[in-house]
N, C-alpha and C. Protein backbone atom coordinates (compact mmCIF):
# COMPACT_ATOMS: atom_id res chain seq x y z
N UNK A 1 -21.25 20.57 11.81
CA UNK A 1 -20.01 20.64 12.52
C UNK A 1 -19.03 19.64 11.91
N UNK A 2 -17.80 20.04 11.72
CA UNK A 2 -16.79 19.19 11.11
C UNK A 2 -16.13 18.32 12.17
N UNK A 3 -15.74 17.10 11.79
CA UNK A 3 -15.03 16.25 12.74
C UNK A 3 -13.68 16.86 13.10
N UNK A 4 -13.24 16.61 14.30
CA UNK A 4 -11.93 17.08 14.72
C UNK A 4 -11.09 15.90 15.17
N UNK A 5 -9.81 16.09 15.19
CA UNK A 5 -8.89 15.06 15.66
C UNK A 5 -7.83 15.73 16.52
N UNK A 6 -7.35 15.00 17.47
CA UNK A 6 -6.28 15.52 18.32
C UNK A 6 -4.96 15.03 17.75
N UNK A 7 -4.05 15.94 17.53
CA UNK A 7 -2.75 15.59 16.99
C UNK A 7 -1.84 15.11 18.11
N UNK A 8 -0.65 14.64 17.76
CA UNK A 8 0.29 14.16 18.76
C UNK A 8 0.71 15.27 19.72
N UNK A 9 0.56 16.51 19.33
CA UNK A 9 0.90 17.63 20.21
C UNK A 9 -0.27 18.05 21.08
N UNK A 10 -1.41 17.38 20.92
CA UNK A 10 -2.55 17.67 21.77
C UNK A 10 -3.50 18.72 21.22
N UNK A 11 -3.17 19.38 20.14
CA UNK A 11 -4.06 20.38 19.57
C UNK A 11 -5.07 19.70 18.64
N UNK A 12 -6.22 20.31 18.48
CA UNK A 12 -7.21 19.72 17.60
C UNK A 12 -7.23 20.48 16.28
N UNK A 13 -7.69 19.78 15.26
CA UNK A 13 -7.78 20.41 13.94
C UNK A 13 -9.04 19.91 13.26
N UNK A 14 -9.63 20.74 12.41
CA UNK A 14 -10.79 20.32 11.64
C UNK A 14 -10.34 19.46 10.49
N UNK A 15 -11.05 18.37 10.28
CA UNK A 15 -10.72 17.45 9.20
C UNK A 15 -11.88 17.39 8.23
N UNK A 16 -11.56 17.44 6.95
CA UNK A 16 -12.58 17.27 5.93
C UNK A 16 -12.82 15.77 5.75
N UNK A 17 -13.95 15.39 5.16
CA UNK A 17 -14.19 13.97 4.90
C UNK A 17 -13.08 13.35 4.03
N UNK A 18 -12.53 14.12 3.09
CA UNK A 18 -11.44 13.59 2.27
C UNK A 18 -10.19 13.35 3.10
N UNK A 19 -9.93 14.21 4.10
CA UNK A 19 -8.79 13.98 4.99
C UNK A 19 -8.98 12.70 5.79
N UNK A 20 -10.19 12.48 6.28
CA UNK A 20 -10.48 11.26 7.04
C UNK A 20 -10.33 10.04 6.15
N UNK A 21 -10.86 10.12 4.93
CA UNK A 21 -10.75 9.01 3.99
C UNK A 21 -9.29 8.72 3.67
N UNK A 22 -8.51 9.75 3.42
CA UNK A 22 -7.09 9.58 3.11
C UNK A 22 -6.37 8.92 4.27
N UNK A 23 -6.67 9.34 5.48
CA UNK A 23 -6.03 8.74 6.67
C UNK A 23 -6.42 7.27 6.83
N UNK A 24 -7.69 6.96 6.60
CA UNK A 24 -8.13 5.57 6.73
C UNK A 24 -7.50 4.67 5.67
N UNK A 25 -7.43 5.17 4.45
CA UNK A 25 -6.79 4.39 3.39
C UNK A 25 -5.31 4.21 3.70
N UNK A 26 -4.66 5.25 4.24
CA UNK A 26 -3.26 5.13 4.64
C UNK A 26 -3.06 4.05 5.68
N UNK A 27 -3.95 4.01 6.69
CA UNK A 27 -3.87 2.95 7.71
C UNK A 27 -4.02 1.57 7.07
N UNK A 28 -4.95 1.46 6.14
CA UNK A 28 -5.19 0.18 5.47
C UNK A 28 -3.96 -0.24 4.67
N UNK A 29 -3.40 0.68 3.90
CA UNK A 29 -2.25 0.35 3.06
C UNK A 29 -1.02 -0.04 3.87
N UNK A 30 -0.89 0.48 5.07
CA UNK A 30 0.28 0.18 5.91
C UNK A 30 0.12 -1.08 6.75
N UNK A 31 -1.07 -1.64 6.77
CA UNK A 31 -1.29 -2.83 7.59
C UNK A 31 -0.50 -4.01 7.01
N UNK A 32 0.21 -4.75 7.84
CA UNK A 32 1.04 -5.85 7.33
C UNK A 32 0.25 -6.94 6.60
N UNK A 33 -1.03 -7.13 6.94
CA UNK A 33 -1.83 -8.19 6.31
C UNK A 33 -2.59 -7.69 5.08
N UNK A 34 -2.43 -6.42 4.70
CA UNK A 34 -3.18 -5.84 3.58
C UNK A 34 -2.79 -6.51 2.27
N UNK A 35 -3.80 -6.93 1.51
CA UNK A 35 -3.64 -7.43 0.14
C UNK A 35 -4.73 -6.77 -0.69
N UNK A 36 -4.33 -6.01 -1.68
CA UNK A 36 -5.28 -5.23 -2.48
C UNK A 36 -6.38 -6.10 -3.07
N UNK A 37 -6.02 -7.27 -3.55
CA UNK A 37 -6.98 -8.14 -4.22
C UNK A 37 -8.03 -8.73 -3.27
N UNK A 38 -7.81 -8.64 -1.96
CA UNK A 38 -8.78 -9.18 -1.00
C UNK A 38 -9.77 -8.14 -0.50
N UNK A 39 -9.67 -6.91 -0.95
CA UNK A 39 -10.60 -5.85 -0.54
C UNK A 39 -11.98 -6.16 -1.11
N UNK A 40 -12.99 -6.13 -0.26
CA UNK A 40 -14.34 -6.54 -0.65
C UNK A 40 -15.03 -5.49 -1.52
N UNK A 41 -14.96 -4.22 -1.15
CA UNK A 41 -15.68 -3.16 -1.87
C UNK A 41 -14.99 -2.84 -3.19
N UNK A 42 -15.73 -2.98 -4.27
CA UNK A 42 -15.16 -2.66 -5.58
C UNK A 42 -14.91 -1.15 -5.71
N UNK A 43 -15.76 -0.33 -5.08
CA UNK A 43 -15.55 1.12 -5.13
C UNK A 43 -14.27 1.49 -4.39
N UNK A 44 -14.06 0.90 -3.22
CA UNK A 44 -12.83 1.17 -2.48
C UNK A 44 -11.62 0.68 -3.26
N UNK A 45 -11.71 -0.51 -3.81
CA UNK A 45 -10.59 -1.06 -4.58
C UNK A 45 -10.23 -0.17 -5.76
N UNK A 46 -11.22 0.43 -6.38
CA UNK A 46 -11.01 1.33 -7.52
C UNK A 46 -10.19 2.56 -7.14
N UNK A 47 -10.33 3.02 -5.89
CA UNK A 47 -9.64 4.23 -5.47
C UNK A 47 -8.37 3.98 -4.67
N UNK A 48 -8.01 2.72 -4.47
CA UNK A 48 -6.78 2.40 -3.75
C UNK A 48 -5.57 2.53 -4.68
N UNK A 49 -4.48 3.09 -4.18
CA UNK A 49 -3.27 3.13 -5.00
C UNK A 49 -2.71 1.71 -5.17
N UNK A 50 -1.90 1.54 -6.19
CA UNK A 50 -1.31 0.22 -6.46
C UNK A 50 -0.22 -0.12 -5.46
N UNK A 51 0.51 0.87 -4.97
CA UNK A 51 1.60 0.60 -4.03
C UNK A 51 1.07 0.61 -2.60
N UNK A 52 1.77 -0.10 -1.72
CA UNK A 52 1.37 -0.20 -0.32
C UNK A 52 2.58 -0.62 0.49
N UNK A 53 2.39 -0.73 1.79
CA UNK A 53 3.45 -1.18 2.68
C UNK A 53 3.64 -0.22 3.83
N UNK A 54 4.40 -0.67 4.81
CA UNK A 54 4.60 0.11 6.03
C UNK A 54 5.18 1.49 5.74
N UNK A 55 6.03 1.60 4.74
CA UNK A 55 6.69 2.88 4.44
C UNK A 55 5.91 3.73 3.43
N UNK A 56 4.69 3.33 3.08
CA UNK A 56 3.92 4.10 2.10
C UNK A 56 3.71 5.52 2.62
N UNK A 57 3.97 6.50 1.78
CA UNK A 57 3.82 7.90 2.19
C UNK A 57 3.20 8.74 1.08
N UNK A 58 2.20 8.21 0.43
CA UNK A 58 1.59 8.90 -0.69
C UNK A 58 0.29 9.62 -0.36
N UNK A 59 0.14 10.09 0.89
CA UNK A 59 -1.10 10.75 1.27
C UNK A 59 -1.43 11.96 0.42
N UNK A 60 -0.44 12.79 0.14
CA UNK A 60 -0.71 14.01 -0.63
C UNK A 60 -1.22 13.66 -2.03
N UNK A 61 -0.57 12.71 -2.69
CA UNK A 61 -1.00 12.32 -4.03
C UNK A 61 -2.38 11.66 -3.99
N UNK A 62 -2.62 10.83 -2.97
CA UNK A 62 -3.92 10.18 -2.83
C UNK A 62 -5.01 11.22 -2.58
N UNK A 63 -4.74 12.19 -1.72
CA UNK A 63 -5.71 13.25 -1.41
C UNK A 63 -6.06 14.04 -2.66
N UNK A 64 -5.04 14.36 -3.47
CA UNK A 64 -5.28 15.07 -4.73
C UNK A 64 -6.12 14.24 -5.69
N UNK A 65 -5.79 12.95 -5.79
CA UNK A 65 -6.51 12.06 -6.71
C UNK A 65 -7.97 11.90 -6.28
N UNK A 66 -8.19 11.74 -4.97
CA UNK A 66 -9.56 11.61 -4.47
C UNK A 66 -10.34 12.91 -4.69
N UNK A 67 -9.68 14.05 -4.54
CA UNK A 67 -10.33 15.33 -4.80
C UNK A 67 -10.74 15.49 -6.25
N UNK A 68 -9.86 15.05 -7.15
CA UNK A 68 -10.18 15.14 -8.58
C UNK A 68 -11.27 14.17 -9.00
N UNK A 69 -11.49 13.12 -8.19
CA UNK A 69 -12.53 12.13 -8.52
C UNK A 69 -13.93 12.71 -8.34
N UNK A 70 -14.04 13.85 -7.67
CA UNK A 70 -15.32 14.54 -7.46
C UNK A 70 -16.38 13.60 -6.87
N UNK A 71 -16.00 12.91 -5.80
CA UNK A 71 -16.91 11.99 -5.14
C UNK A 71 -17.98 12.75 -4.35
N UNK A 72 -19.21 12.26 -4.37
CA UNK A 72 -20.25 12.89 -3.56
C UNK A 72 -20.13 12.42 -2.11
N UNK A 73 -20.87 13.05 -1.23
CA UNK A 73 -20.78 12.77 0.21
C UNK A 73 -21.10 11.32 0.53
N UNK A 74 -22.09 10.74 -0.15
CA UNK A 74 -22.46 9.35 0.11
C UNK A 74 -21.34 8.40 -0.29
N UNK A 75 -20.67 8.67 -1.40
CA UNK A 75 -19.57 7.83 -1.83
C UNK A 75 -18.38 7.93 -0.87
N UNK A 76 -18.09 9.14 -0.42
CA UNK A 76 -17.00 9.32 0.54
C UNK A 76 -17.31 8.57 1.84
N UNK A 77 -18.55 8.69 2.31
CA UNK A 77 -18.95 7.98 3.52
C UNK A 77 -18.83 6.47 3.33
N UNK A 78 -19.27 5.97 2.19
CA UNK A 78 -19.16 4.55 1.87
C UNK A 78 -17.70 4.11 1.90
N UNK A 79 -16.83 4.91 1.29
CA UNK A 79 -15.40 4.56 1.25
C UNK A 79 -14.78 4.57 2.64
N UNK A 80 -15.13 5.55 3.46
CA UNK A 80 -14.60 5.61 4.83
C UNK A 80 -15.04 4.38 5.61
N UNK A 81 -16.33 4.07 5.56
CA UNK A 81 -16.83 2.91 6.31
C UNK A 81 -16.21 1.61 5.82
N UNK A 82 -16.01 1.47 4.52
CA UNK A 82 -15.42 0.24 3.99
C UNK A 82 -13.94 0.14 4.30
N UNK A 83 -13.23 1.26 4.30
CA UNK A 83 -11.81 1.23 4.69
C UNK A 83 -11.70 0.82 6.15
N UNK A 84 -12.56 1.37 7.01
CA UNK A 84 -12.56 0.99 8.43
C UNK A 84 -12.91 -0.49 8.60
N UNK A 85 -13.87 -0.98 7.82
CA UNK A 85 -14.26 -2.39 7.90
C UNK A 85 -13.11 -3.30 7.46
N UNK A 86 -12.39 -2.90 6.42
CA UNK A 86 -11.24 -3.69 5.96
C UNK A 86 -10.15 -3.74 7.03
N UNK A 87 -9.89 -2.60 7.67
CA UNK A 87 -8.88 -2.56 8.74
C UNK A 87 -9.31 -3.49 9.87
N UNK A 88 -10.57 -3.43 10.25
CA UNK A 88 -11.08 -4.29 11.32
C UNK A 88 -10.98 -5.76 10.90
N UNK A 89 -11.30 -6.06 9.66
CA UNK A 89 -11.22 -7.45 9.17
C UNK A 89 -9.78 -7.95 9.24
N UNK A 90 -8.82 -7.09 8.89
CA UNK A 90 -7.40 -7.49 8.94
C UNK A 90 -6.93 -7.70 10.36
N UNK A 91 -7.50 -6.97 11.29
CA UNK A 91 -7.11 -7.11 12.70
C UNK A 91 -7.60 -8.42 13.29
N UNK A 92 -8.61 -9.01 12.67
CA UNK A 92 -9.14 -10.28 13.15
C UNK A 92 -10.24 -10.07 14.17
N UNK A 93 -10.83 -11.17 14.63
CA UNK A 93 -11.92 -11.06 15.59
C UNK A 93 -11.42 -10.55 16.94
N UNK A 94 -12.27 -9.82 17.60
CA UNK A 94 -11.89 -9.31 18.93
C UNK A 94 -11.94 -10.45 19.94
N UNK A 95 -11.25 -10.25 21.01
CA UNK A 95 -11.21 -11.27 22.06
C UNK A 95 -12.26 -11.00 23.12
N UNK A 96 -13.38 -10.44 22.73
CA UNK A 96 -14.42 -10.05 23.70
C UNK A 96 -15.09 -11.23 24.35
């Protein structure tokens, strides 16, 4: 079964792993504290675009580039988890 997401209009859509990866990388690139050189995973760093910032809008180009990279499922999963970990690291410790 493919993961789904609810859009702002409330409808759900099927997302491919590359779509999820592209969205996670987009969130990372737009984070105000993001610095490319501080990314821990060398594999993730290799696939990150050079440009970043709040106004970054290169999802289509990134999605195409990731598709051409012919990544296997394990690599895509690794990249998704590491992008999420980087976002969490930038957010700082939780106040739990």
